[in-house]
Amino acid sequence: MFIARINVTLKESVLDPQGSTVKSTLHELGENSVQDVRVGKYIEVKLDSPDLETAQKTVTSLCEKLLVNHVIETYRSEIIPG
């Protein structure tokens, strides 16, 4: 059993209105050291895979097929024993 932790964010070239709103609100709260905010999504998937290599291939496939819109998003993943 493995647990895949997948972080999906908008590509740097894509405007992030939600991140801009969070940044603006933080500035209103006096947190002026915040230079930029990017908001993304976190997905956790439990996998019944025989080994780490198979688990990684499955995660790549899941991201390619459904979890990530490659036109505007990028992702990184971490797989741990679960």
Protein backbone atom coordinates (compact mmCIF):
# COMPACT_ATOMS: atom_id res chain seq x y z
CA MET A 1 0.00 0.00 0.00
CA PHE A 2 1.25 3.46 -0.92
CA ILE A 3 -0.06 6.97 -0.41
CA ALA A 4 0.43 9.48 -3.21
CA ARG A 5 0.42 13.14 -2.23
CA ILE A 6 -0.22 15.26 -5.30
CA ASN A 7 0.05 19.05 -5.35
CA VAL A 8 -1.51 20.77 -8.36
CA THR A 9 -0.91 24.46 -9.06
CA LEU A 10 -1.51 26.85 -11.89
CA LYS A 11 1.43 27.39 -14.22
CA GLU A 12 3.38 30.58 -13.54
CA SER A 13 2.15 32.03 -16.83
CA VAL A 14 -1.51 31.65 -15.78
CA LEU A 15 -3.15 34.38 -13.71
CA ASP A 16 -4.31 33.21 -10.28
CA PRO A 17 -7.26 35.40 -9.22
CA GLN A 18 -7.80 33.41 -6.03
CA GLY A 19 -4.14 33.85 -5.08
CA SER A 20 -4.38 37.58 -5.82
CA THR A 21 -7.41 37.88 -3.54
CA VAL A 22 -5.63 36.05 -0.72
CA LYS A 23 -2.55 38.26 -1.16
CA SER A 24 -4.69 41.42 -1.10
CA THR A 25 -6.49 40.28 2.04
CA LEU A 26 -3.22 39.45 3.76
CA HIS A 27 -1.95 42.95 2.95
CA GLU A 28 -5.14 44.41 4.43
CA LEU A 29 -4.36 42.43 7.59
CA GLY A 30 -0.93 44.05 7.76
CA GLU A 31 1.05 41.13 6.34
CA ASN A 32 2.98 43.29 3.89
CA SER A 33 5.95 40.95 3.61
CA VAL A 34 3.85 38.61 1.44
CA GLN A 35 5.05 39.09 -2.14
CA ASP A 36 2.91 36.55 -4.00
CA VAL A 37 0.34 33.84 -3.34
CA ARG A 38 -0.50 30.91 -5.61
CA VAL A 39 -3.49 28.76 -4.65
CA GLY A 40 -3.65 25.14 -5.73
CA LYS A 41 -5.17 21.84 -4.73
CA TYR A 42 -3.92 18.87 -2.75
CA ILE A 43 -5.00 15.36 -3.67
CA GLU A 44 -4.20 12.25 -1.66
CA VAL A 45 -4.64 8.83 -3.26
CA LYS A 46 -4.18 5.45 -1.59
CA LEU A 47 -2.76 2.90 -3.99
CA ASP A 48 -2.62 -0.88 -3.74
CA SER A 49 0.56 -1.25 -5.79
CA PRO A 50 3.18 -3.99 -5.52
CA ASP A 51 6.14 -1.57 -5.56
CA LEU A 52 7.12 2.09 -5.68
CA GLU A 53 7.83 2.09 -9.43
CA THR A 54 4.34 0.80 -10.23
CA ALA A 55 2.80 3.31 -7.83
CA GLN A 56 4.67 6.18 -9.57
CA LYS A 57 3.49 5.02 -12.99
CA THR A 58 -0.09 4.87 -11.70
CA VAL A 59 0.12 8.40 -10.27
CA THR A 60 1.52 9.73 -13.53
CA SER A 61 -1.31 8.07 -15.42
CA LEU A 62 -3.96 9.46 -13.03
CA CYS A 63 -2.56 12.96 -13.40
CA GLU A 64 -2.31 12.71 -17.18
CA LYS A 65 -5.85 11.35 -17.59
CA LEU A 66 -7.90 13.28 -15.04
CA LEU A 67 -6.35 15.11 -12.12
CA VAL A 68 -4.33 17.78 -13.92
CA ASN A 69 -5.30 20.15 -16.73
CA HIS A 70 -1.91 20.32 -18.45
CA VAL A 71 -2.86 23.42 -20.42
CA ILE A 72 -2.95 25.58 -17.29
CA GLU A 73 -1.71 23.40 -14.41
CA THR A 74 1.41 21.63 -13.27
CA TYR A 75 1.89 19.10 -10.51
CA ARG A 76 4.39 17.39 -8.28
CA SER A 77 3.88 14.21 -6.35
CA GLU A 78 5.36 12.34 -3.44
CA ILE A 79 4.71 8.67 -2.79
CA ILE A 80 5.14 7.19 0.66
CA PRO A 81 4.49 3.76 2.12
CA GLY A 82 1.07 3.67 3.67
